[in-house]
Amino acid sequence: MKFVLAQDEDQSMKRKRFTEEQISGILKEHEAGVPAADLCRKHGVSDASSYKWKARFGGMDVSEAKRLRSLGTRS
């Protein structure tokens, strides 16, 4: 008996769920005093994701975050 795994036509990288603009907006809400637990519940993200975003994008504008991402994708 043979088992064949179904393969997607497009096996590229996983799509990001939030854009830089959305991440920046969420972090600005946190800076304004909204508790992290409330933000995570409201936007449907884990605590780990929000803290990872804060470590990576904290204190940046949207344009700086986009530039950081574009620098990371170059070869």
PDB file of N, CA and C in Angstrom:
ATOM      1  N   MET A   1       0.843  -1.166   0.000  1.00  0.00           N
ATOM      2  CA  MET A   1       0.000   0.000   0.000  1.00  0.00           C
ATOM      3  C   MET A   1       0.893   1.235   0.000  1.00  0.00           C
ATOM      4  N   LYS A   2       0.574   2.178  -0.889  1.00  0.00           N
ATOM      5  CA  LYS A   2       1.356   3.397  -1.006  1.00  0.00           C
ATOM      6  C   LYS A   2       0.621   4.568  -0.365  1.00  0.00           C
ATOM      7  N   PHE A   3       1.370   5.407   0.330  1.00  0.00           N
ATOM      8  CA  PHE A   3       0.805   6.632   0.882  1.00  0.00           C
ATOM      9  C   PHE A   3       1.503   7.807   0.219  1.00  0.00           C
ATOM     10  N   VAL A   4       0.725   8.702  -0.287  1.00  0.00           N
ATOM     11  CA  VAL A   4       1.267   9.880  -0.950  1.00  0.00           C
ATOM     12  C   VAL A   4       0.832  11.100  -0.155  1.00  0.00           C
ATOM     13  N   LEU A   5       1.795  11.921   0.195  1.00  0.00           N
ATOM     14  CA  LEU A   5       1.482  13.150   0.919  1.00  0.00           C
ATOM     15  C   LEU A   5       1.034  14.219  -0.056  1.00  0.00           C
ATOM     16  N   ALA A   6      -0.023  14.884   0.278  1.00  0.00           N
ATOM     17  CA  ALA A   6      -0.499  15.990  -0.562  1.00  0.00           C
ATOM     18  C   ALA A   6       0.447  17.160  -0.401  1.00  0.00           C
ATOM     19  N   GLN A   7       0.841  17.728  -1.518  1.00  0.00           N
ATOM     20  CA  GLN A   7       1.744  18.868  -1.481  1.00  0.00           C
ATOM     21  C   GLN A   7       1.059  20.070  -2.093  1.00  0.00           C
ATOM     22  N   ASP A   8       1.234  21.209  -1.467  1.00  0.00           N
ATOM     23  CA  ASP A   8       0.692  22.449  -2.016  1.00  0.00           C
ATOM     24  C   ASP A   8       1.507  22.851  -3.223  1.00  0.00           C
ATOM     25  N   GLU A   9       0.840  23.517  -4.138  1.00  0.00           N
ATOM     26  CA  GLU A   9       1.533  24.060  -5.301  1.00  0.00           C
ATOM     27  C   GLU A   9       2.542  25.117  -4.851  1.00  0.00           C
ATOM     28  N   ASP A  10       2.125  25.929  -3.895  1.00  0.00           N
ATOM     29  CA  ASP A  10       2.966  27.029  -3.430  1.00  0.00           C
ATOM     30  C   ASP A  10       3.468  26.716  -2.028  1.00  0.00           C
ATOM     31  N   GLN A  11       4.703  26.282  -1.926  1.00  0.00           N
ATOM     32  CA  GLN A  11       5.281  25.967  -0.618  1.00  0.00           C
ATOM     33  C   GLN A  11       6.284  27.045  -0.226  1.00  0.00           C
ATOM     34  N   SER A  12       5.853  28.296  -0.346  1.00  0.00           N
ATOM     35  CA  SER A  12       6.724  29.395   0.024  1.00  0.00           C
ATOM     36  C   SER A  12       6.647  29.610   1.532  1.00  0.00           C
ATOM     37  N   MET A  13       7.294  30.678   1.990  1.00  0.00           N
ATOM     38  CA  MET A  13       7.318  30.980   3.417  1.00  0.00           C
ATOM     39  C   MET A  13       5.914  31.269   3.926  1.00  0.00           C
ATOM     40  N   LYS A  14       5.745  31.069   5.208  1.00  0.00           N
ATOM     41  CA  LYS A  14       4.453  31.332   5.837  1.00  0.00           C
ATOM     42  C   LYS A  14       4.126  32.822   5.738  1.00  0.00           C
ATOM     43  N   ARG A  15       2.892  33.120   5.405  1.00  0.00           N
ATOM     44  CA  ARG A  15       2.448  34.498   5.270  1.00  0.00           C
ATOM     45  C   ARG A  15       2.369  35.142   6.645  1.00  0.00           C
ATOM     46  N   LYS A  16       2.827  36.374   6.719  1.00  0.00           N
ATOM     47  CA  LYS A  16       2.740  37.124   7.962  1.00  0.00           C
ATOM     48  C   LYS A  16       1.312  37.560   8.184  1.00  0.00           C
ATOM     49  N   ARG A  17       0.849  37.452   9.395  1.00  0.00           N
ATOM     50  CA  ARG A  17      -0.533  37.768   9.704  1.00  0.00           C
ATOM     51  C   ARG A  17      -0.751  39.261   9.928  1.00  0.00           C
ATOM     52  N   PHE A  18       0.278  39.945  10.412  1.00  0.00           N
ATOM     53  CA  PHE A  18       0.174  41.369  10.702  1.00  0.00           C
ATOM     54  C   PHE A  18       1.229  42.132   9.913  1.00  0.00           C
ATOM     55  N   THR A  19       0.845  43.289   9.391  1.00  0.00           N
ATOM     56  CA  THR A  19       1.788  44.148   8.670  1.00  0.00           C
ATOM     57  C   THR A  19       2.557  44.997   9.682  1.00  0.00           C
ATOM     58  N   GLU A  20       3.567  45.700   9.174  1.00  0.00           N
ATOM     59  CA  GLU A  20       4.340  46.581  10.048  1.00  0.00           C
ATOM     60  C   GLU A  20       3.454  47.675  10.634  1.00  0.00           C
ATOM     61  N   GLU A  21       2.492  48.159   9.825  1.00  0.00           N
ATOM     62  CA  GLU A  21       1.593  49.208  10.302  1.00  0.00           C
ATOM     63  C   GLU A  21       0.736  48.700  11.460  1.00  0.00           C
ATOM     64  N   GLN A  22       0.236  47.482  11.332  1.00  0.00           N
ATOM     65  CA  GLN A  22      -0.599  46.915  12.388  1.00  0.00           C
ATOM     66  C   GLN A  22       0.209  46.664  13.656  1.00  0.00           C
ATOM     67  N   ILE A  23       1.413  46.117  13.512  1.00  0.00           N
ATOM     68  CA  ILE A  23       2.270  45.866  14.672  1.00  0.00           C
ATOM     69  C   ILE A  23       2.606  47.174  15.369  1.00  0.00           C
ATOM     70  N   SER A  24       2.935  48.189  14.580  1.00  0.00           N
ATOM     71  CA  SER A  24       3.267  49.493  15.149  1.00  0.00           C
ATOM     72  C   SER A  24       2.075  50.078  15.900  1.00  0.00           C
ATOM     73  N   GLY A  25       0.887  49.924  15.344  1.00  0.00           N
ATOM     74  CA  GLY A  25      -0.319  50.420  16.016  1.00  0.00           C
ATOM     75  C   GLY A  25      -0.571  49.707  17.332  1.00  0.00           C
ATOM     76  N   ILE A  26      -0.377  48.400  17.340  1.00  0.00           N
ATOM     77  CA  ILE A  26      -0.571  47.625  18.567  1.00  0.00           C
ATOM     78  C   ILE A  26       0.445  48.044  19.627  1.00  0.00           C
ATOM     79  N   LEU A  27       1.703  48.233  19.213  1.00  0.00           N
ATOM     80  CA  LEU A  27       2.731  48.654  20.169  1.00  0.00           C
ATOM     81  C   LEU A  27       2.469  50.066  20.694  1.00  0.00           C
ATOM     82  N   LYS A  28       1.926  50.937  19.848  1.00  0.00           N
ATOM     83  CA  LYS A  28       1.596  52.292  20.303  1.00  0.00           C
ATOM     84  C   LYS A  28       0.468  52.259  21.328  1.00  0.00           C
ATOM     85  N   GLU A  29      -0.481  51.344  21.148  1.00  0.00           N
ATOM     86  CA  GLU A  29      -1.539  51.185  22.150  1.00  0.00           C
ATOM     87  C   GLU A  29      -0.939  50.777  23.492  1.00  0.00           C
ATOM     88  N   HIS A  30       0.050  49.875  23.441  1.00  0.00           N
ATOM     89  CA  HIS A  30       0.699  49.422  24.673  1.00  0.00           C
ATOM     90  C   HIS A  30       1.453  50.573  25.339  1.00  0.00           C
ATOM     91  N   GLU A  31       2.131  51.386  24.521  1.00  0.00           N
ATOM     92  CA  GLU A  31       2.855  52.537  25.065  1.00  0.00           C
ATOM     93  C   GLU A  31       1.901  53.555  25.686  1.00  0.00           C
ATOM     94  N   ALA A  32       0.664  53.591  25.189  1.00  0.00           N
ATOM     95  CA  ALA A  32      -0.332  54.530  25.713  1.00  0.00           C
ATOM     96  C   ALA A  32      -0.915  54.072  27.049  1.00  0.00           C
ATOM     97  N   GLY A  33      -0.567  52.851  27.469  1.00  0.00           N
ATOM     98  CA  GLY A  33      -0.992  52.403  28.783  1.00  0.00           C
ATOM     99  C   GLY A  33      -1.953  51.231  28.810  1.00  0.00           C
ATOM    100  N   VAL A  34      -2.293  50.682  27.656  1.00  0.00           N
ATOM    101  CA  VAL A  34      -3.183  49.518  27.626  1.00  0.00           C
ATOM    102  C   VAL A  34      -2.377  48.292  28.058  1.00  0.00           C
ATOM    103  N   PRO A  35      -2.879  47.515  29.007  1.00  0.00           N
ATOM    104  CA  PRO A  35      -2.139  46.330  29.460  1.00  0.00           C
ATOM    105  C   PRO A  35      -1.906  45.318  28.333  1.00  0.00           C
ATOM    106  N   ALA A  36      -0.765  44.648  28.377  1.00  0.00           N
ATOM    107  CA  ALA A  36      -0.389  43.703  27.330  1.00  0.00           C
ATOM    108  C   ALA A  36      -1.411  42.569  27.200  1.00  0.00           C
ATOM    109  N   ALA A  37      -1.926  42.090  28.309  1.00  0.00           N
ATOM    110  CA  ALA A  37      -2.895  40.992  28.260  1.00  0.00           C
ATOM    111  C   ALA A  37      -4.159  41.409  27.517  1.00  0.00           C
ATOM    112  N   ASP A  38      -4.620  42.647  27.735  1.00  0.00           N
ATOM    113  CA  ASP A  38      -5.807  43.142  27.042  1.00  0.00           C
ATOM    114  C   ASP A  38      -5.558  43.282  25.540  1.00  0.00           C
ATOM    115  N   LEU A  39      -4.373  43.792  25.187  1.00  0.00           N
ATOM    116  CA  LEU A  39      -4.033  43.924  23.767  1.00  0.00           C
ATOM    117  C   LEU A  39      -3.987  42.564  23.070  1.00  0.00           C
ATOM    118  N   CYS A  40      -3.374  41.605  23.717  1.00  0.00           N
ATOM    119  CA  CYS A  40      -3.262  40.269  23.127  1.00  0.00           C
ATOM    120  C   CYS A  40      -4.640  39.658  22.910  1.00  0.00           C
ATOM    121  N   ARG A  41      -5.507  39.830  23.869  1.00  0.00           N
ATOM    122  CA  ARG A  41      -6.862  39.294  23.752  1.00  0.00           C
ATOM    123  C   ARG A  41      -7.622  40.008  22.632  1.00  0.00           C
ATOM    124  N   LYS A  42      -7.484  41.326  22.570  1.00  0.00           N
ATOM    125  CA  LYS A  42      -8.201  42.129  21.582  1.00  0.00           C
ATOM    126  C   LYS A  42      -7.776  41.794  20.148  1.00  0.00           C
ATOM    127  N   HIS A  43      -6.463  41.624  19.942  1.00  0.00           N
ATOM    128  CA  HIS A  43      -5.935  41.415  18.590  1.00  0.00           C
ATOM    129  C   HIS A  43      -5.703  39.946  18.250  1.00  0.00           C
ATOM    130  N   GLY A  44      -5.883  39.060  19.213  1.00  0.00           N
ATOM    131  CA  GLY A  44      -5.755  37.634  18.942  1.00  0.00           C
ATOM    132  C   GLY A  44      -4.332  37.153  18.747  1.00  0.00           C
ATOM    133  N   VAL A  45      -3.413  37.688  19.542  1.00  0.00           N
ATOM    134  CA  VAL A  45      -2.016  37.244  19.478  1.00  0.00           C
ATOM    135  C   VAL A  45      -1.599  36.712  20.844  1.00  0.00           C
ATOM    136  N   SER A  46      -0.512  35.966  20.852  1.00  0.00           N
ATOM    137  CA  SER A  46      -0.018  35.430  22.114  1.00  0.00           C
ATOM    138  C   SER A  46       0.845  36.468  22.826  1.00  0.00           C
ATOM    139  N   ASP A  47       1.043  36.256  24.110  1.00  0.00           N
ATOM    140  CA  ASP A  47       1.931  37.133  24.881  1.00  0.00           C
ATOM    141  C   ASP A  47       3.341  37.096  24.304  1.00  0.00           C
ATOM    142  N   ALA A  48       3.774  35.907  23.894  1.00  0.00           N
ATOM    143  CA  ALA A  48       5.123  35.757  23.349  1.00  0.00           C
ATOM    144  C   ALA A  48       5.308  36.599  22.094  1.00  0.00           C
ATOM    145  N   SER A  49       4.302  36.606  21.223  1.00  0.00           N
ATOM    146  CA  SER A  49       4.389  37.411  20.000  1.00  0.00           C
ATOM    147  C   SER A  49       4.478  38.893  20.324  1.00  0.00           C
ATOM    148  N   SER A  50       3.660  39.345  21.258  1.00  0.00           N
ATOM    149  CA  SER A  50       3.676  40.770  21.579  1.00  0.00           C
ATOM    150  C   SER A  50       5.019  41.193  22.178  1.00  0.00           C
ATOM    151  N   TYR A  51       5.597  40.373  23.015  1.00  0.00           N
ATOM    152  CA  TYR A  51       6.902  40.721  23.585  1.00  0.00           C
ATOM    153  C   TYR A  51       8.016  40.631  22.544  1.00  0.00           C
ATOM    154  N   LYS A  52       7.890  39.699  21.609  1.00  0.00           N
ATOM    155  CA  LYS A  52       8.872  39.596  20.517  1.00  0.00           C
ATOM    156  C   LYS A  52       8.793  40.837  19.634  1.00  0.00           C
ATOM    157  N   TRP A  53       7.560  41.288  19.338  1.00  0.00           N
ATOM    158  CA  TRP A  53       7.385  42.504  18.555  1.00  0.00           C
ATOM    159  C   TRP A  53       7.973  43.703  19.274  1.00  0.00           C
ATOM    160  N   LYS A  54       7.747  43.768  20.581  1.00  0.00           N
ATOM    161  CA  LYS A  54       8.255  44.912  21.349  1.00  0.00           C
ATOM    162  C   LYS A  54       9.782  44.928  21.327  1.00  0.00           C
ATOM    163  N   ALA A  55      10.389  43.759  21.421  1.00  0.00           N
ATOM    164  CA  ALA A  55      11.852  43.687  21.382  1.00  0.00           C
ATOM    165  C   ALA A  55      12.385  44.080  20.007  1.00  0.00           C
ATOM    166  N   ARG A  56      11.650  43.722  18.974  1.00  0.00           N
ATOM    167  CA  ARG A  56      12.139  43.964  17.621  1.00  0.00           C
ATOM    168  C   ARG A  56      11.755  45.342  17.091  1.00  0.00           C
ATOM    169  N   PHE A  57      10.502  45.750  17.294  1.00  0.00           N
ATOM    170  CA  PHE A  57       9.990  46.979  16.693  1.00  0.00           C
ATOM    171  C   PHE A  57       9.725  48.094  17.689  1.00  0.00           C
ATOM    172  N   GLY A  58       9.947  47.880  18.960  1.00  0.00           N
ATOM    173  CA  GLY A  58       9.637  48.882  19.973  1.00  0.00           C
ATOM    174  C   GLY A  58      10.361  50.193  19.740  1.00  0.00           C
ATOM    175  N   GLY A  59       9.632  51.296  19.759  1.00  0.00           N
ATOM    176  CA  GLY A  59      10.228  52.615  19.584  1.00  0.00           C
ATOM    177  C   GLY A  59      10.463  53.018  18.148  1.00  0.00           C
ATOM    178  N   MET A  60      10.027  52.198  17.179  1.00  0.00           N
ATOM    179  CA  MET A  60      10.236  52.516  15.764  1.00  0.00           C
ATOM    180  C   MET A  60       8.980  53.100  15.151  1.00  0.00           C
ATOM    181  N   ASP A  61       9.189  53.916  14.108  1.00  0.00           N
ATOM    182  CA  ASP A  61       8.073  54.343  13.262  1.00  0.00           C
ATOM    183  C   ASP A  61       7.737  53.196  12.315  1.00  0.00           C
ATOM    184  N   VAL A  62       6.653  53.377  11.594  1.00  0.00           N
ATOM    185  CA  VAL A  62       6.281  52.386  10.588  1.00  0.00           C
ATOM    186  C   VAL A  62       7.337  52.344   9.488  1.00  0.00           C
ATOM    187  N   SER A  63       7.833  53.508   9.063  1.00  0.00           N
ATOM    188  CA  SER A  63       8.828  53.540   7.987  1.00  0.00           C
ATOM    189  C   SER A  63      10.123  52.847   8.398  1.00  0.00           C
ATOM    190  N   GLU A  64      10.528  53.014   9.650  1.00  0.00           N
ATOM    191  CA  GLU A  64      11.737  52.334  10.126  1.00  0.00           C
ATOM    192  C   GLU A  64      11.539  50.826  10.176  1.00  0.00           C
ATOM    193  N   ALA A  65      10.352  50.385  10.592  1.00  0.00           N
ATOM    194  CA  ALA A  65      10.063  48.954  10.647  1.00  0.00           C
ATOM    195  C   ALA A  65      10.063  48.348   9.245  1.00  0.00           C
ATOM    196  N   LYS A  66       9.505  49.070   8.272  1.00  0.00           N
ATOM    197  CA  LYS A  66       9.518  48.581   6.888  1.00  0.00           C
ATOM    198  C   LYS A  66      10.948  48.482   6.369  1.00  0.00           C
ATOM    199  N   ARG A  67      11.760  49.473   6.686  1.00  0.00           N
ATOM    200  CA  ARG A  67      13.162  49.467   6.230  1.00  0.00           C
ATOM    201  C   ARG A  67      13.910  48.295   6.861  1.00  0.00           C
ATOM    202  N   LEU A  68      13.666  48.019   8.128  1.00  0.00           N
ATOM    203  CA  LEU A  68      14.297  46.898   8.798  1.00  0.00           C
ATOM    204  C   LEU A  68      13.937  45.597   8.116  1.00  0.00           C
ATOM    205  N   ARG A  69      12.665  45.432   7.782  1.00  0.00           N
ATOM    206  CA  ARG A  69      12.229  44.209   7.107  1.00  0.00           C
ATOM    207  C   ARG A  69      12.858  44.100   5.723  1.00  0.00           C
ATOM    208  N   SER A  70      12.929  45.218   4.979  1.00  0.00           N
ATOM    209  CA  SER A  70      13.507  45.155   3.639  1.00  0.00           C
ATOM    210  C   SER A  70      14.997  44.847   3.685  1.00  0.00           C
ATOM    211  N   LEU A  71      15.692  45.309   4.713  1.00  0.00           N
ATOM    212  CA  LEU A  71      17.111  44.983   4.846  1.00  0.00           C
ATOM    213  C   LEU A  71      17.318  43.506   5.151  1.00  0.00           C
ATOM    214  N   GLY A  72      16.385  42.919   5.883  1.00  0.00           N
ATOM    215  CA  GLY A  72      16.486  41.504   6.251  1.00  0.00           C
ATOM    216  C   GLY A  72      16.194  40.549   5.108  1.00  0.00           C
ATOM    217  N   THR A  73      15.499  41.024   4.065  1.00  0.00           N
ATOM    218  CA  THR A  73      15.133  40.130   2.969  1.00  0.00           C
ATOM    219  C   THR A  73      16.144  40.133   1.842  1.00  0.00           C
ATOM    220  N   ARG A  74      17.108  41.030   1.882  1.00  0.00           N
ATOM    221  CA  ARG A  74      18.119  41.064   0.829  1.00  0.00           C
ATOM    222  C   ARG A  74      19.122  39.941   1.006  1.00  0.00           C
ATOM    223  N   SER A  75      19.694  39.540  -0.096  1.00  0.00           N
ATOM    224  CA  SER A  75      20.690  38.452  -0.056  1.00  0.00           C
ATOM    225  C   SER A  75      22.058  38.958   0.279  1.00  0.00           C
TER     226      SER A  75
END
